[in-house]
């Protein structure tokens, strides 16, 4: 059976039209990636909970910019159009919180693991994150990550191997979209601030693997929340002495003498290379029970 391709005047077989209906991406050269069965996969773009393949984005007039980019855009020469849509945007933000809370409320004891998306399988950091997650999962903890590649994939993979619940809180980005294959429970987010709330609210500890700006952002946001009393004083564990020691040395040499931080602030960080020590720190904290901490102090 043939059908007419929209807007071209040419015909193609139904089999051609139906090919590649599963998830897929376009390679850097512009050619579709190959599916497992050898057929071509269509290009794919996600926007929140919307999946657009082929030319669907153009057909429905979907802007190329991400939601965060539109939200932060400024047009001083005229009244920006997004200002008039903020009430609707506020509802989308509320929906992200509601759906995130609903999905993660029953996860139970959990550890959030952060790290670079660029350190892939076969690297020492990938394998270390995988081992840590596997041991934490075997100790009864769910693992929460950003759901992407690299260290995030390693942690979700190790969690699956350890028999734990593997959670991914994914973010809409121009690149690096889609949940890795080892996520059991995934939640998609448009906004970083909604996503980061989930990382903090449902974690009993943070494990920070080597990473870039995103990892640093998550590290210092967690420290700020603890320092200001917005969340309970849960463990923040830096894994990789060679990677993180210079940062701690700078804090002691520059920030501490300047009076910008206190010694107790530096003590919020635990530094180790040992997966068993990571598990020991997390288990010791979880065993405390936290009965003396009011529930409303977790997220205020």
Protein backbone atom coordinates (compact mmCIF):
# COMPACT_ATOMS: atom_id res chain seq x y z
CA UNK A 1 0.00 0.00 0.00
CA UNK A 2 1.27 3.49 -0.86
CA UNK A 3 0.52 6.83 0.76
CA UNK A 4 1.31 10.38 -0.26
CA UNK A 5 4.01 12.10 1.79
CA UNK A 6 2.69 15.36 3.19
CA UNK A 7 3.66 18.44 1.19
CA UNK A 8 5.83 16.56 -1.33
CA UNK A 9 3.47 15.10 -3.90
CA UNK A 10 5.44 11.86 -3.81
CA UNK A 11 4.29 8.51 -2.57
CA UNK A 12 5.93 6.07 -0.23
CA UNK A 13 4.99 2.63 1.02
CA UNK A 14 3.18 2.16 4.30
CA UNK A 15 6.15 0.09 5.45
CA UNK A 16 8.41 3.09 4.82
CA UNK A 17 6.04 5.37 6.69
CA UNK A 18 5.88 3.04 9.66
CA UNK A 19 9.63 2.37 9.83
CA UNK A 20 11.46 3.59 12.88
CA UNK A 21 8.49 4.35 15.12
CA UNK A 22 10.58 3.46 18.19
CA UNK A 23 12.82 5.94 20.00
CA UNK A 24 15.88 7.11 18.12
CA UNK A 25 18.20 9.98 17.34
CA UNK A 26 19.96 11.48 14.37
CA UNK A 27 23.71 11.11 14.17
CA UNK A 28 26.09 14.06 13.90
CA UNK A 29 26.22 13.60 10.14
CA UNK A 30 22.45 14.05 9.88
CA UNK A 31 21.77 10.43 8.99
CA UNK A 32 19.37 8.44 11.12
CA UNK A 33 20.93 5.95 13.54
CA UNK A 34 20.35 2.29 12.87
CA UNK A 35 17.81 0.43 14.98
CA UNK A 36 18.52 -3.00 16.44
CA UNK A 37 16.84 -4.65 13.47
CA UNK A 38 18.93 -2.70 10.96
CA UNK A 39 16.20 -0.25 9.94
CA UNK A 40 16.70 3.53 10.14
CA UNK A 41 15.49 5.33 13.25
CA UNK A 42 13.85 8.74 12.92
CA UNK A 43 15.33 11.85 14.49
CA UNK A 44 13.74 12.58 17.85
CA UNK A 45 13.33 15.63 20.04
CA UNK A 46 11.74 15.81 23.49
CA UNK A 47 10.13 18.84 25.08
CA UNK A 48 8.88 18.04 28.56
CA UNK A 49 6.55 15.11 28.11
CA UNK A 50 6.17 15.67 24.38
CA UNK A 51 8.11 13.48 21.92
CA UNK A 52 8.49 14.84 18.37
CA UNK A 53 9.91 12.82 15.51
CA UNK A 54 10.69 13.65 11.88
CA UNK A 55 9.39 17.19 11.19
CA UNK A 56 6.65 17.22 13.86
CA UNK A 57 8.25 20.12 15.77
CA UNK A 58 8.14 22.34 12.68
CA UNK A 59 4.61 21.24 11.82
CA UNK A 60 3.23 22.26 15.22
CA UNK A 61 5.37 25.38 15.51
CA UNK A 62 7.38 24.23 18.54
CA UNK A 63 10.22 26.71 19.33
CA UNK A 64 13.76 25.35 19.11
CA UNK A 65 14.68 26.88 22.49
CA UNK A 66 14.29 24.87 25.70
CA UNK A 67 11.75 25.92 28.35
CA UNK A 68 14.52 27.29 30.61
CA UNK A 69 15.96 29.32 27.72
CA UNK A 70 12.55 30.84 26.96
CA UNK A 71 11.94 31.48 30.65
CA UNK A 72 15.23 33.41 31.07
CA UNK A 73 15.09 35.28 27.75
CA UNK A 74 15.15 39.09 27.92
CA UNK A 75 14.06 41.44 25.12
CA UNK A 76 14.56 44.98 26.48
CA UNK A 77 13.52 46.72 23.25
CA UNK A 78 9.93 45.52 23.59
CA UNK A 79 7.66 43.68 25.96
CA UNK A 80 8.74 40.02 25.60
CA UNK A 81 6.01 37.63 24.61
CA UNK A 82 6.83 35.13 27.37
CA UNK A 83 5.80 37.65 30.05
CA UNK A 84 2.19 37.22 29.02
CA UNK A 85 2.45 33.44 29.29
CA UNK A 86 3.91 33.27 32.81
CA UNK A 87 0.61 32.27 34.46
CA UNK A 88 0.48 29.24 32.17
CA UNK A 89 4.19 28.56 32.78
CA UNK A 90 3.52 28.67 36.53
CA UNK A 91 1.00 25.86 36.10
CA UNK A 92 3.58 23.77 34.24
CA UNK A 93 6.07 24.37 37.05
CA UNK A 94 3.48 23.34 39.62
CA UNK A 95 2.74 20.21 37.58
CA UNK A 96 6.43 19.24 37.62
CA UNK A 97 6.51 19.44 41.41
CA UNK A 98 3.24 17.52 41.80
CA UNK A 99 4.28 14.74 39.42
CA UNK A 100 7.76 14.54 40.93
CA UNK A 101 6.41 14.32 44.49
CA UNK A 102 3.84 11.75 43.40
CA UNK A 103 6.46 9.58 41.67
CA UNK A 104 9.10 9.66 44.42
CA UNK A 105 7.06 9.81 47.63
CA UNK A 106 7.29 6.05 48.23
CA UNK A 107 10.89 5.50 47.12
CA UNK A 108 12.11 5.01 50.69
CA UNK A 109 15.73 5.44 51.85
CA UNK A 110 17.72 6.82 48.93
CA UNK A 111 21.09 8.29 47.98
CA UNK A 112 21.56 10.83 45.22
CA UNK A 113 24.71 10.36 43.13
CA UNK A 114 26.04 13.21 40.99
CA UNK A 115 28.86 13.20 38.47
CA UNK A 116 29.98 13.95 34.95
CA UNK A 117 27.96 12.88 31.92
CA UNK A 118 31.24 12.69 29.99
CA UNK A 119 32.92 9.84 31.88
CA UNK A 120 31.61 6.81 30.09
CA UNK A 121 31.83 3.04 30.45
CA UNK A 122 35.36 1.76 30.84
CA UNK A 123 36.68 4.82 32.69
CA UNK A 124 37.83 4.36 36.27
CA UNK A 125 35.29 6.88 37.57
CA UNK A 126 32.41 5.11 35.80
CA UNK A 127 33.37 1.79 37.36
CA UNK A 128 33.84 3.38 40.80
CA UNK A 129 30.38 4.98 40.68
CA UNK A 130 28.92 1.66 39.55
CA UNK A 131 30.53 -0.16 42.49
CA UNK A 132 29.39 2.44 45.04
CA UNK A 133 25.82 2.34 43.76
CA UNK A 134 25.77 -1.46 43.75
CA UNK A 135 26.91 -1.60 47.38
CA UNK A 136 24.46 1.10 48.48
CA UNK A 137 21.62 -0.73 46.73
CA UNK A 138 22.62 -3.99 48.42
CA UNK A 139 22.40 -2.10 51.73
CA UNK A 140 18.78 -1.15 51.07
CA UNK A 141 19.07 2.27 49.42
CA UNK A 142 17.45 3.43 46.20
CA UNK A 143 19.76 5.41 43.92
CA UNK A 144 18.68 8.73 42.40
CA UNK A 145 20.61 10.32 39.52
CA UNK A 146 20.01 12.78 36.72
CA UNK A 147 19.15 9.80 34.55
CA UNK A 148 21.62 10.65 31.80
CA UNK A 149 24.88 9.12 30.51
CA UNK A 150 28.33 8.84 32.11
CA UNK A 151 28.47 8.70 35.91
CA UNK A 152 24.67 8.87 36.07
CA UNK A 153 24.37 5.76 33.93
CA UNK A 154 27.04 4.02 36.01
CA UNK A 155 25.15 4.70 39.24
CA UNK A 156 21.83 3.55 37.82
CA UNK A 157 23.53 0.46 36.42
CA UNK A 158 25.18 -0.41 39.73
CA UNK A 159 21.89 0.10 41.54
CA UNK A 160 20.17 -2.36 39.20
CA UNK A 161 22.97 -4.87 39.79
CA UNK A 162 22.60 -4.45 43.56
CA UNK A 163 18.86 -5.08 43.46
CA UNK A 164 17.84 -1.51 44.35
CA UNK A 165 15.30 0.86 42.83
CA UNK A 166 17.10 2.87 40.14
CA UNK A 167 15.64 6.39 39.76
CA UNK A 168 16.41 8.99 37.10
CA UNK A 169 15.31 12.64 37.19
CA UNK A 170 15.99 13.70 33.62
CA UNK A 171 16.15 17.27 32.29
CA UNK A 172 15.17 18.77 28.95
CA UNK A 173 18.38 20.00 27.26
CA UNK A 174 19.34 20.86 23.69
CA UNK A 175 21.68 17.83 23.90
CA UNK A 176 22.05 14.84 26.25
CA UNK A 177 18.34 14.04 26.36
CA UNK A 178 16.73 10.77 27.27
CA UNK A 179 16.95 8.36 30.18
CA UNK A 180 19.75 5.82 30.26
CA UNK A 181 18.84 2.15 29.91
CA UNK A 182 19.33 1.35 33.61
CA UNK A 183 16.62 3.62 35.05
CA UNK A 184 13.64 1.79 36.58
CA UNK A 185 11.65 4.89 37.58
CA UNK A 186 12.11 7.99 35.47
CA UNK A 187 10.69 11.49 35.79
CA UNK A 188 11.17 14.13 33.09
CA UNK A 189 11.69 17.81 34.02
CA UNK A 190 11.76 21.07 32.09
CA UNK A 191 13.15 23.16 34.94
CA UNK A 192 16.40 22.65 36.82
CA UNK A 193 15.05 24.05 40.09
CA UNK A 194 12.14 21.57 40.18
CA UNK A 195 14.49 18.69 39.39
CA UNK A 196 17.03 19.69 42.04
CA UNK A 197 14.30 19.83 44.66
CA UNK A 198 13.66 16.12 44.01
CA UNK A 199 17.37 15.34 44.42
CA UNK A 200 17.40 16.96 47.86
CA UNK A 201 13.96 16.11 49.20
CA UNK A 202 14.23 12.35 48.75
CA UNK A 203 17.94 11.83 49.54
CA UNK A 204 19.49 10.61 52.79
CA UNK A 205 22.94 11.49 51.44
CA UNK A 206 24.71 13.01 48.44
CA UNK A 207 27.61 11.19 46.76
CA UNK A 208 29.55 13.59 44.54
CA UNK A 209 31.71 11.96 41.88
CA UNK A 210 34.09 13.97 39.67
CA UNK A 211 32.14 16.25 37.36
CA UNK A 212 31.85 19.63 35.72
CA UNK A 213 29.76 22.76 36.23
CA UNK A 214 26.52 20.85 36.76
CA UNK A 215 28.10 18.69 39.44
CA UNK A 216 29.59 21.76 41.15
CA UNK A 217 26.20 23.45 41.04
CA UNK A 218 24.56 20.49 42.75
CA UNK A 219 27.39 20.21 45.29
CA UNK A 220 27.28 23.84 46.38
CA UNK A 221 23.50 24.03 46.38
CA UNK A 222 23.40 21.11 48.81
CA UNK A 223 26.05 22.75 51.02
CA UNK A 224 24.17 26.06 50.98
CA UNK A 225 20.93 24.39 52.03
CA UNK A 226 22.67 22.60 54.91
CA UNK A 227 24.67 25.66 55.98
CA UNK A 228 21.57 27.86 56.11
CA UNK A 229 19.47 25.27 57.92
CA UNK A 230 17.04 24.77 55.06
CA UNK A 231 17.64 21.01 55.09
CA UNK A 232 18.93 18.59 57.70
CA UNK A 233 22.67 18.05 57.96
CA UNK A 234 22.92 14.94 55.78
CA UNK A 235 26.23 13.55 54.45
CA UNK A 236 27.84 15.16 51.41
CA UNK A 237 30.54 12.74 50.30
CA UNK A 238 33.19 13.72 47.75
CA UNK A 239 34.59 10.65 46.00
CA UNK A 240 38.07 11.07 44.50
CA UNK A 241 40.82 12.66 46.59
CA UNK A 242 42.94 13.56 43.58
CA UNK A 243 39.98 15.36 41.99
CA UNK A 244 38.52 17.19 45.00
CA UNK A 245 41.47 17.83 47.36
CA UNK A 246 42.46 21.02 45.53
CA UNK A 247 38.98 22.48 46.05
CA UNK A 248 39.08 21.79 49.79
CA UNK A 249 42.61 23.20 50.02
CA UNK A 250 41.41 26.40 48.32
CA UNK A 251 38.53 26.70 50.78
CA UNK A 252 40.98 26.46 53.68
CA UNK A 253 43.58 28.77 52.14
CA UNK A 254 41.28 31.47 50.75
CA UNK A 255 37.69 31.35 52.00
CA UNK A 256 38.43 30.48 55.62
CA UNK A 257 40.99 33.30 56.27
CA UNK A 258 38.66 35.75 54.50
CA UNK A 259 35.89 34.90 56.93
CA UNK A 260 33.59 33.81 54.11
CA UNK A 261 33.06 30.37 55.66
CA UNK A 262 33.68 28.66 58.99
CA UNK A 263 35.68 25.53 59.77
CA UNK A 264 32.39 23.77 60.47
CA UNK A 265 31.30 24.49 56.89
CA UNK A 266 34.32 22.61 55.52
CA UNK A 267 33.55 19.79 57.92
CA UNK A 268 30.25 19.27 56.06
CA UNK A 269 32.30 17.55 53.34
CA UNK A 270 33.53 13.96 53.64
CA UNK A 271 36.37 12.99 51.28
CA UNK A 272 37.18 9.39 50.35
CA UNK A 273 38.25 7.00 47.61
CA UNK A 274 36.81 3.92 49.31
CA UNK A 275 33.36 2.62 48.25
CA UNK A 276 33.01 0.77 51.57
CA UNK A 277 33.60 4.02 53.47
CA UNK A 278 30.88 5.71 51.43
CA UNK A 279 28.44 2.96 52.42
CA UNK A 280 29.57 3.13 56.06
CA UNK A 281 28.98 6.91 56.24
CA UNK A 282 25.54 6.64 54.69
CA UNK A 283 24.46 3.71 56.85
CA UNK A 284 25.66 5.41 60.04
CA UNK A 285 23.66 8.51 59.19
CA UNK A 286 20.52 6.55 58.27
CA UNK A 287 20.74 4.58 61.54
CA UNK A 288 20.40 7.80 63.56
CA UNK A 289 16.72 7.96 62.72
CA UNK A 290 16.51 11.78 62.78
CA UNK A 291 13.64 11.78 65.29
CA UNK A 292 14.92 15.05 66.73
CA UNK A 293 14.54 16.91 63.44
CA UNK A 294 11.14 18.46 62.59
CA UNK A 295 9.79 17.21 59.31
CA UNK A 296 9.04 20.70 58.03
CA UNK A 297 12.74 21.59 58.25
CA UNK A 298 13.60 19.26 55.36
CA UNK A 299 12.33 21.63 52.66
CA UNK A 300 11.31 25.13 53.72
